[in-house]
Amino acid sequence: GNGGKAFMFKPAATVVSARRAGTTATFDQINKYYSIS
């Protein structure tokens, strides 16, 4: 809708919380939204 202007070139980070495991897989999942944007 907007060519990604709301996100383009703006820094982003992911924060993940867990009882025990699955954190790095989740971390990788969310980070992909930034790299494509």
PDB file of all heavy atoms in Angstrom:
ATOM      1  N   GLY A   1       0.778  -1.222   0.000  1.00  0.00           N
ATOM      2  CA  GLY A   1       0.000   0.000   0.000  1.00  0.00           C
ATOM      3  C   GLY A   1       0.809   1.270   0.000  1.00  0.00           C
ATOM      4  O   GLY A   1       0.358   2.307  -0.505  1.00  0.00           O
ATOM      5  N   ASN A   2       2.030   1.210   0.558  1.00  0.00           N
ATOM      6  CA  ASN A   2       2.804   2.438   0.726  1.00  0.00           C
ATOM      7  C   ASN A   2       4.278   2.287   0.362  1.00  0.00           C
ATOM      8  O   ASN A   2       5.088   3.152   0.694  1.00  0.00           O
ATOM      9  CB  ASN A   2       2.683   2.919   2.173  1.00  0.00           C
ATOM     10  CG  ASN A   2       1.245   3.159   2.580  1.00  0.00           C
ATOM     11  OD1 ASN A   2       0.642   4.151   2.212  1.00  0.00           O
ATOM     12  ND2 ASN A   2       0.671   2.230   3.339  1.00  0.00           N
ATOM     13  N   GLY A   3       4.600   1.188  -0.276  1.00  0.00           N
ATOM     14  CA  GLY A   3       5.983   0.974  -0.669  1.00  0.00           C
ATOM     15  C   GLY A   3       6.925   0.711   0.480  1.00  0.00           C
ATOM     16  O   GLY A   3       8.142   0.799   0.335  1.00  0.00           O
ATOM     17  N   GLY A   4       6.356   0.396   1.657  1.00  0.00           N
ATOM     18  CA  GLY A   4       7.182   0.079   2.823  1.00  0.00           C
ATOM     19  C   GLY A   4       7.795   1.280   3.501  1.00  0.00           C
ATOM     20  O   GLY A   4       8.712   1.142   4.318  1.00  0.00           O
ATOM     21  N   LYS A   5       7.296   2.491   3.206  1.00  0.00           N
ATOM     22  CA  LYS A   5       7.925   3.707   3.717  1.00  0.00           C
ATOM     23  C   LYS A   5       7.898   3.815   5.238  1.00  0.00           C
ATOM     24  O   LYS A   5       8.759   4.472   5.829  1.00  0.00           O
ATOM     25  CB  LYS A   5       7.250   4.927   3.094  1.00  0.00           C
ATOM     26  CG  LYS A   5       7.490   5.044   1.595  1.00  0.00           C
ATOM     27  CD  LYS A   5       6.764   6.250   1.018  1.00  0.00           C
ATOM     28  CE  LYS A   5       6.966   6.331  -0.492  1.00  0.00           C
ATOM     29  NZ  LYS A   5       6.219   7.481  -1.077  1.00  0.00           N
ATOM     30  N   ALA A   6       6.926   3.188   5.883  1.00  0.00           N
ATOM     31  CA  ALA A   6       6.839   3.265   7.348  1.00  0.00           C
ATOM     32  C   ALA A   6       7.977   2.505   8.016  1.00  0.00           C
ATOM     33  O   ALA A   6       8.303   2.765   9.184  1.00  0.00           O
ATOM     34  CB  ALA A   6       5.501   2.720   7.827  1.00  0.00           C
ATOM     35  N   PHE A   7       8.601   1.569   7.280  1.00  0.00           N
ATOM     36  CA  PHE A   7       9.638   0.727   7.863  1.00  0.00           C
ATOM     37  C   PHE A   7      11.010   0.870   7.206  1.00  0.00           C
ATOM     38  O   PHE A   7      12.028   0.670   7.861  1.00  0.00           O
ATOM     39  CB  PHE A   7       9.213  -0.738   7.780  1.00  0.00           C
ATOM     40  CG  PHE A   7       7.978  -1.066   8.564  1.00  0.00           C
ATOM     41  CD1 PHE A   7       6.833  -1.527   7.935  1.00  0.00           C
ATOM     42  CD2 PHE A   7       7.954  -0.891   9.936  1.00  0.00           C
ATOM     43  CE1 PHE A   7       5.695  -1.816   8.665  1.00  0.00           C
ATOM     44  CE2 PHE A   7       6.818  -1.182  10.675  1.00  0.00           C
ATOM     45  CZ  PHE A   7       5.677  -1.642  10.037  1.00  0.00           C
ATOM     46  N   MET A   8      11.054   1.218   5.957  1.00  0.00           N
ATOM     47  CA  MET A   8      12.301   1.214   5.196  1.00  0.00           C
ATOM     48  C   MET A   8      13.393   2.063   5.851  1.00  0.00           C
ATOM     49  O   MET A   8      13.165   3.219   6.214  1.00  0.00           O
ATOM     50  CB  MET A   8      12.030   1.726   3.781  1.00  0.00           C
ATOM     51  CG  MET A   8      13.172   1.522   2.814  1.00  0.00           C
ATOM     52  SD  MET A   8      12.788   2.197   1.161  1.00  0.00           S
ATOM     53  CE  MET A   8      11.340   1.230   0.720  1.00  0.00           C
ATOM     54  N   PHE A   9      14.563   1.455   6.028  1.00  0.00           N
ATOM     55  CA  PHE A   9      15.766   2.079   6.587  1.00  0.00           C
ATOM     56  C   PHE A   9      15.658   2.395   8.083  1.00  0.00           C
ATOM     57  O   PHE A   9      16.592   2.961   8.654  1.00  0.00           O
ATOM     58  CB  PHE A   9      16.154   3.344   5.818  1.00  0.00           C
ATOM     59  CG  PHE A   9      16.346   3.115   4.351  1.00  0.00           C
ATOM     60  CD1 PHE A   9      15.612   3.827   3.415  1.00  0.00           C
ATOM     61  CD2 PHE A   9      17.249   2.166   3.899  1.00  0.00           C
ATOM     62  CE1 PHE A   9      15.784   3.615   2.061  1.00  0.00           C
ATOM     63  CE2 PHE A   9      17.420   1.937   2.539  1.00  0.00           C
ATOM     64  CZ  PHE A   9      16.684   2.666   1.620  1.00  0.00           C
ATOM     65  N   LYS A  10      14.563   2.032   8.714  1.00  0.00           N
ATOM     66  CA  LYS A  10      14.425   2.252  10.151  1.00  0.00           C
ATOM     67  C   LYS A  10      14.902   1.000  10.902  1.00  0.00           C
ATOM     68  O   LYS A  10      14.561  -0.120  10.526  1.00  0.00           O
ATOM     69  CB  LYS A  10      12.970   2.550  10.513  1.00  0.00           C
ATOM     70  CG  LYS A  10      12.434   3.833   9.903  1.00  0.00           C
ATOM     71  CD  LYS A  10      10.990   4.062  10.306  1.00  0.00           C
ATOM     72  CE  LYS A  10      10.415   5.328   9.679  1.00  0.00           C
ATOM     73  NZ  LYS A  10       8.994   5.541  10.070  1.00  0.00           N
ATOM     74  N   PRO A  11      15.679   1.149  11.955  1.00  0.00           N
ATOM     75  CA  PRO A  11      16.214  -0.007  12.673  1.00  0.00           C
ATOM     76  C   PRO A  11      15.137  -0.775  13.421  1.00  0.00           C
ATOM     77  O   PRO A  11      14.164  -0.193  13.907  1.00  0.00           O
ATOM     78  CB  PRO A  11      17.216   0.617  13.647  1.00  0.00           C
ATOM     79  CG  PRO A  11      16.732   2.012  13.845  1.00  0.00           C
ATOM     80  CD  PRO A  11      16.142   2.423  12.538  1.00  0.00           C
ATOM     81  N   ALA A  12      15.320  -2.080  13.495  1.00  0.00           N
ATOM     82  CA  ALA A  12      14.356  -2.941  14.173  1.00  0.00           C
ATOM     83  C   ALA A  12      15.071  -4.049  14.931  1.00  0.00           C
ATOM     84  O   ALA A  12      16.200  -4.411  14.608  1.00  0.00           O
ATOM     85  CB  ALA A  12      13.374  -3.550  13.168  1.00  0.00           C
ATOM     86  N   ALA A  13      14.395  -4.565  15.932  1.00  0.00           N
ATOM     87  CA  ALA A  13      14.961  -5.660  16.734  1.00  0.00           C
ATOM     88  C   ALA A  13      13.837  -6.572  17.196  1.00  0.00           C
ATOM     89  O   ALA A  13      12.676  -6.157  17.304  1.00  0.00           O
ATOM     90  CB  ALA A  13      15.728  -5.113  17.928  1.00  0.00           C
ATOM     91  N   THR A  14      14.192  -7.802  17.487  1.00  0.00           N
ATOM     92  CA  THR A  14      13.254  -8.799  17.991  1.00  0.00           C
ATOM     93  C   THR A  14      13.604  -9.143  19.427  1.00  0.00           C
ATOM     94  O   THR A  14      14.781  -9.293  19.766  1.00  0.00           O
ATOM     95  CB  THR A  14      13.326 -10.083  17.138  1.00  0.00           C
ATOM     96  OG1 THR A  14      13.029  -9.764  15.781  1.00  0.00           O
ATOM     97  CG2 THR A  14      12.346 -11.129  17.636  1.00  0.00           C
ATOM     98  N   VAL A  15      12.580  -9.273  20.268  1.00  0.00           N
ATOM     99  CA  VAL A  15      12.743  -9.752  21.639  1.00  0.00           C
ATOM    100  C   VAL A  15      11.852 -10.976  21.813  1.00  0.00           C
ATOM    101  O   VAL A  15      10.672 -10.950  21.459  1.00  0.00           O
ATOM    102  CB  VAL A  15      12.368  -8.658  22.661  1.00  0.00           C
ATOM    103  CG1 VAL A  15      12.181  -9.253  24.049  1.00  0.00           C
ATOM    104  CG2 VAL A  15      13.437  -7.580  22.693  1.00  0.00           C
ATOM    105  N   VAL A  16      12.440 -12.047  22.345  1.00  0.00           N
ATOM    106  CA  VAL A  16      11.722 -13.317  22.494  1.00  0.00           C
ATOM    107  C   VAL A  16      11.754 -13.760  23.950  1.00  0.00           C
ATOM    108  O   VAL A  16      12.792 -13.669  24.608  1.00  0.00           O
ATOM    109  CB  VAL A  16      12.360 -14.401  21.599  1.00  0.00           C
ATOM    110  CG1 VAL A  16      11.644 -15.730  21.777  1.00  0.00           C
ATOM    111  CG2 VAL A  16      12.331 -13.982  20.131  1.00  0.00           C
ATOM    112  N   SER A  17      10.629 -14.233  24.446  1.00  0.00           N
ATOM    113  CA  SER A  17      10.578 -14.784  25.803  1.00  0.00           C
ATOM    114  C   SER A  17      10.087 -16.225  25.751  1.00  0.00           C
ATOM    115  O   SER A  17       9.236 -16.573  24.927  1.00  0.00           O
ATOM    116  CB  SER A  17       9.650 -13.945  26.695  1.00  0.00           C
ATOM    117  OG  SER A  17       8.309 -14.040  26.267  1.00  0.00           O
ATOM    118  N   ALA A  18      10.654 -17.039  26.623  1.00  0.00           N
ATOM    119  CA  ALA A  18      10.285 -18.456  26.641  1.00  0.00           C
ATOM    120  C   ALA A  18      10.543 -19.049  28.019  1.00  0.00           C
ATOM    121  O   ALA A  18      11.368 -18.543  28.783  1.00  0.00           O
ATOM    122  CB  ALA A  18      11.091 -19.239  25.604  1.00  0.00           C
ATOM    123  N   ARG A  19       9.848 -20.130  28.293  1.00  0.00           N
ATOM    124  CA  ARG A  19      10.142 -20.871  29.513  1.00  0.00           C
ATOM    125  C   ARG A  19      11.493 -21.553  29.403  1.00  0.00           C
ATOM    126  O   ARG A  19      12.298 -21.523  30.330  1.00  0.00           O
ATOM    127  CB  ARG A  19       9.044 -21.928  29.773  1.00  0.00           C
ATOM    128  CG  ARG A  19       9.302 -22.796  31.021  1.00  0.00           C
ATOM    129  CD  ARG A  19       8.318 -23.949  31.096  1.00  0.00           C
ATOM    130  NE  ARG A  19       8.513 -24.903  30.013  1.00  0.00           N
ATOM    131  CZ  ARG A  19       9.407 -25.888  30.040  1.00  0.00           C
ATOM    132  NH1 ARG A  19      10.213 -26.046  31.094  1.00  0.00           N
ATOM    133  NH2 ARG A  19       9.522 -26.720  29.027  1.00  0.00           N
ATOM    134  N   ARG A  20      11.753 -22.126  28.200  1.00  0.00           N
ATOM    135  CA  ARG A  20      12.978 -22.911  28.083  1.00  0.00           C
ATOM    136  C   ARG A  20      13.612 -22.840  26.688  1.00  0.00           C
ATOM    137  O   ARG A  20      14.708 -22.329  26.528  1.00  0.00           O
ATOM    138  CB  ARG A  20      12.702 -24.371  28.470  1.00  0.00           C
ATOM    139  CG  ARG A  20      13.951 -25.241  28.562  1.00  0.00           C
ATOM    140  CD  ARG A  20      13.620 -26.601  29.156  1.00  0.00           C
ATOM    141  NE  ARG A  20      14.787 -27.457  29.225  1.00  0.00           N
ATOM    142  CZ  ARG A  20      15.653 -27.470  30.234  1.00  0.00           C
ATOM    143  NH1 ARG A  20      15.469 -26.636  31.249  1.00  0.00           N
ATOM    144  NH2 ARG A  20      16.678 -28.284  30.231  1.00  0.00           N
ATOM    145  N   ALA A  21      12.918 -23.333  25.654  1.00  0.00           N
ATOM    146  CA  ALA A  21      13.548 -23.475  24.338  1.00  0.00           C
ATOM    147  C   ALA A  21      12.660 -22.900  23.237  1.00  0.00           C
ATOM    148  O   ALA A  21      11.560 -22.422  23.480  1.00  0.00           O
ATOM    149  CB  ALA A  21      13.862 -24.939  24.053  1.00  0.00           C
ATOM    150  N   GLY A  22      13.177 -22.971  22.003  1.00  0.00           N
ATOM    151  CA  GLY A  22      12.451 -22.456  20.842  1.00  0.00           C
ATOM    152  C   GLY A  22      12.732 -21.005  20.539  1.00  0.00           C
ATOM    153  O   GLY A  22      12.176 -20.434  19.606  1.00  0.00           O
ATOM    154  N   THR A  23      13.624 -20.401  21.327  1.00  0.00           N
ATOM    155  CA  THR A  23      13.868 -18.968  21.202  1.00  0.00           C
ATOM    156  C   THR A  23      14.585 -18.593  19.905  1.00  0.00           C
ATOM    157  O   THR A  23      14.205 -17.623  19.241  1.00  0.00           O
ATOM    158  CB  THR A  23      14.700 -18.470  22.395  1.00  0.00           C
ATOM    159  OG1 THR A  23      15.814 -19.358  22.583  1.00  0.00           O
ATOM    160  CG2 THR A  23      13.870 -18.427  23.658  1.00  0.00           C
ATOM    161  N   THR A  24      15.625 -19.331  19.545  1.00  0.00           N
ATOM    162  CA  THR A  24      16.402 -18.924  18.377  1.00  0.00           C
ATOM    163  C   THR A  24      15.605 -19.115  17.083  1.00  0.00           C
ATOM    164  O   THR A  24      15.742 -18.326  16.146  1.00  0.00           O
ATOM    165  CB  THR A  24      17.733 -19.699  18.289  1.00  0.00           C
ATOM    166  OG1 THR A  24      17.482 -21.111  18.357  1.00  0.00           O
ATOM    167  CG2 THR A  24      18.658 -19.293  19.433  1.00  0.00           C
ATOM    168  N   ALA A  25      14.766 -20.144  17.022  1.00  0.00           N
ATOM    169  CA  ALA A  25      13.921 -20.337  15.845  1.00  0.00           C
ATOM    170  C   ALA A  25      12.931 -19.186  15.703  1.00  0.00           C
ATOM    171  O   ALA A  25      12.694 -18.670  14.607  1.00  0.00           O
ATOM    172  CB  ALA A  25      13.172 -21.661  15.940  1.00  0.00           C
ATOM    173  N   THR A  26      12.377 -18.757  16.822  1.00  0.00           N
ATOM    174  CA  THR A  26      11.441 -17.631  16.815  1.00  0.00           C
ATOM    175  C   THR A  26      12.152 -16.338  16.460  1.00  0.00           C
ATOM    176  O   THR A  26      11.628 -15.505  15.704  1.00  0.00           O
ATOM    177  CB  THR A  26      10.772 -17.507  18.198  1.00  0.00           C
ATOM    178  OG1 THR A  26      10.168 -18.753  18.539  1.00  0.00           O
ATOM    179  CG2 THR A  26       9.720 -16.420  18.199  1.00  0.00           C
ATOM    180  N   PHE A  27      13.334 -16.168  16.996  1.00  0.00           N
ATOM    181  CA  PHE A  27      14.168 -14.995  16.710  1.00  0.00           C
ATOM    182  C   PHE A  27      14.420 -14.876  15.209  1.00  0.00           C
ATOM    183  O   PHE A  27      14.256 -13.801  14.613  1.00  0.00           O
ATOM    184  CB  PHE A  27      15.479 -15.146  17.483  1.00  0.00           C
ATOM    185  CG  PHE A  27      16.379 -13.945  17.464  1.00  0.00           C
ATOM    186  CD1 PHE A  27      16.009 -12.761  18.087  1.00  0.00           C
ATOM    187  CD2 PHE A  27      17.619 -14.000  16.850  1.00  0.00           C
ATOM    188  CE1 PHE A  27      16.850 -11.652  18.088  1.00  0.00           C
ATOM    189  CE2 PHE A  27      18.471 -12.904  16.856  1.00  0.00           C
ATOM    190  CZ  PHE A  27      18.078 -11.725  17.476  1.00  0.00           C
ATOM    191  N   ASP A  28      14.802 -15.987  14.581  1.00  0.00           N
ATOM    192  CA  ASP A  28      15.055 -15.993  13.139  1.00  0.00           C
ATOM    193  C   ASP A  28      13.782 -15.679  12.352  1.00  0.00           C
ATOM    194  O   ASP A  28      13.819 -14.957  11.352  1.00  0.00           O
ATOM    195  CB  ASP A  28      15.602 -17.351  12.697  1.00  0.00           C
ATOM    196  CG  ASP A  28      17.004 -17.624  13.205  1.00  0.00           C
ATOM    197  OD1 ASP A  28      17.681 -16.655  13.606  1.00  0.00           O
ATOM    198  OD2 ASP A  28      17.412 -18.791  13.212  1.00  0.00           O
ATOM    199  N   GLN A  29      12.669 -16.226  12.801  1.00  0.00           N
ATOM    200  CA  GLN A  29      11.400 -16.019  12.107  1.00  0.00           C
ATOM    201  C   GLN A  29      11.045 -14.537  12.022  1.00  0.00           C
ATOM    202  O   GLN A  29      10.741 -14.018  10.943  1.00  0.00           O
ATOM    203  CB  GLN A  29      10.275 -16.765  12.830  1.00  0.00           C
ATOM    204  CG  GLN A  29       8.885 -16.503  12.266  1.00  0.00           C
ATOM    205  CD  GLN A  29       7.774 -16.997  13.191  1.00  0.00           C
ATOM    206  OE1 GLN A  29       8.038 -17.692  14.182  1.00  0.00           O
ATOM    207  NE2 GLN A  29       6.549 -16.644  12.873  1.00  0.00           N
ATOM    208  N   ILE A  30      11.085 -13.845  13.133  1.00  0.00           N
ATOM    209  CA  ILE A  30      10.680 -12.446  13.158  1.00  0.00           C
ATOM    210  C   ILE A  30      11.691 -11.549  12.443  1.00  0.00           C
ATOM    211  O   ILE A  30      11.327 -10.587  11.757  1.00  0.00           O
ATOM    212  CB  ILE A  30      10.468 -11.964  14.609  1.00  0.00           C
ATOM    213  CG1 ILE A  30       9.381 -12.809  15.290  1.00  0.00           C
ATOM    214  CG2 ILE A  30      10.067 -10.492  14.625  1.00  0.00           C
ATOM    215  CD1 ILE A  30       8.014 -12.712  14.642  1.00  0.00           C
ATOM    216  N   ASN A  31      12.974 -11.873  12.557  1.00  0.00           N
ATOM    217  CA  ASN A  31      13.994 -11.050  11.905  1.00  0.00           C
ATOM    218  C   ASN A  31      13.837 -11.008  10.386  1.00  0.00           C
ATOM    219  O   ASN A  31      14.279 -10.047   9.735  1.00  0.00           O
ATOM    220  CB  ASN A  31      15.397 -11.567  12.249  1.00  0.00           C
ATOM    221  CG  ASN A  31      15.848 -11.139  13.626  1.00  0.00           C
ATOM    222  OD1 ASN A  31      15.260 -10.266  14.239  1.00  0.00           O
ATOM    223  ND2 ASN A  31      16.901 -11.767  14.119  1.00  0.00           N
ATOM    224  N   LYS A  32      13.209 -12.010   9.805  1.00  0.00           N
ATOM    225  CA  LYS A  32      13.053 -12.048   8.343  1.00  0.00           C
ATOM    226  C   LYS A  32      12.167 -10.922   7.830  1.00  0.00           C
ATOM    227  O   LYS A  32      12.308 -10.476   6.690  1.00  0.00           O
ATOM    228  CB  LYS A  32      12.516 -13.409   7.908  1.00  0.00           C
ATOM    229  CG  LYS A  32      13.539 -14.539   8.048  1.00  0.00           C
ATOM    230  CD  LYS A  32      12.980 -15.863   7.562  1.00  0.00           C
ATOM    231  CE  LYS A  32      14.055 -16.946   7.574  1.00  0.00           C
ATOM    232  NZ  LYS A  32      14.509 -17.296   8.929  1.00  0.00           N
ATOM    233  N   TYR A  33      11.249 -10.451   8.643  1.00  0.00           N
ATOM    234  CA  TYR A  33      10.404  -9.334   8.213  1.00  0.00           C
ATOM    235  C   TYR A  33      11.237  -8.073   7.979  1.00  0.00           C
ATOM    236  O   TYR A  33      10.930  -7.270   7.102  1.00  0.00           O
ATOM    237  CB  TYR A  33       9.325  -9.039   9.268  1.00  0.00           C
ATOM    238  CG  TYR A  33       8.283 -10.115   9.402  1.00  0.00           C
ATOM    239  CD1 TYR A  33       8.389 -11.094  10.392  1.00  0.00           C
ATOM    240  CD2 TYR A  33       7.184 -10.160   8.545  1.00  0.00           C
ATOM    241  CE1 TYR A  33       7.425 -12.086  10.528  1.00  0.00           C
ATOM    242  CE2 TYR A  33       6.216 -11.150   8.672  1.00  0.00           C
ATOM    243  CZ  TYR A  33       6.342 -12.111   9.663  1.00  0.00           C
ATOM    244  OH  TYR A  33       5.397 -13.100   9.795  1.00  0.00           O
ATOM    245  N   TYR A  34      12.281  -7.909   8.760  1.00  0.00           N
ATOM    246  CA  TYR A  34      13.103  -6.704   8.641  1.00  0.00           C
ATOM    247  C   TYR A  34      13.996  -6.753   7.409  1.00  0.00           C
ATOM    248  O   TYR A  34      14.122  -5.760   6.684  1.00  0.00           O
ATOM    249  CB  TYR A  34      13.980  -6.509   9.880  1.00  0.00           C
ATOM    250  CG  TYR A  34      13.316  -6.772  11.201  1.00  0.00           C
ATOM    251  CD1 TYR A  34      14.023  -7.345  12.258  1.00  0.00           C
ATOM    252  CD2 TYR A  34      11.970  -6.444  11.412  1.00  0.00           C
ATOM    253  CE1 TYR A  34      13.423  -7.576  13.486  1.00  0.00           C
ATOM    254  CE2 TYR A  34      11.361  -6.688  12.637  1.00  0.00           C
ATOM    255  CZ  TYR A  34      12.104  -7.261  13.664  1.00  0.00           C
ATOM    256  OH  TYR A  34      11.508  -7.500  14.866  1.00  0.00           O
ATOM    257  N   SER A  35      14.641  -7.885   7.198  1.00  0.00           N
ATOM    258  CA  SER A  35      15.620  -7.962   6.112  1.00  0.00           C
ATOM    259  C   SER A  35      14.963  -7.800   4.748  1.00  0.00           C
ATOM    260  O   SER A  35      15.567  -7.255   3.820  1.00  0.00           O
ATOM    261  CB  SER A  35      16.410  -9.277   6.183  1.00  0.00           C
ATOM    262  OG  SER A  35      15.546 -10.392   6.105  1.00  0.00           O
ATOM    263  N   ILE A  36      13.714  -8.249   4.616  1.00  0.00           N
ATOM    264  CA  ILE A  36      13.026  -8.094   3.333  1.00  0.00           C
ATOM    265  C   ILE A  36      12.475  -6.684   3.168  1.00  0.00           C
ATOM    266  O   ILE A  36      12.059  -6.275   2.087  1.00  0.00           O
ATOM    267  CB  ILE A  36      11.889  -9.135   3.195  1.00  0.00           C
ATOM    268  CG1 ILE A  36      11.520  -9.350   1.721  1.00  0.00           C
ATOM    269  CG2 ILE A  36      10.660  -8.738   4.006  1.00  0.00           C
ATOM    270  CD1 ILE A  36      10.552 -10.488   1.482  1.00  0.00           C
ATOM    271  N   SER A  37      12.479  -5.912   4.274  1.00  0.00           N
ATOM    272  CA  SER A  37      11.921  -4.558   4.257  1.00  0.00           C
ATOM    273  C   SER A  37      13.009  -3.482   4.313  1.00  0.00           C
ATOM    274  O   SER A  37      12.717  -2.322   4.576  1.00  0.00           O
ATOM    275  CB  SER A  37      10.965  -4.368   5.442  1.00  0.00           C
ATOM    276  OG  SER A  37       9.939  -5.333   5.409  1.00  0.00           O
TER     277      SER A  37
END
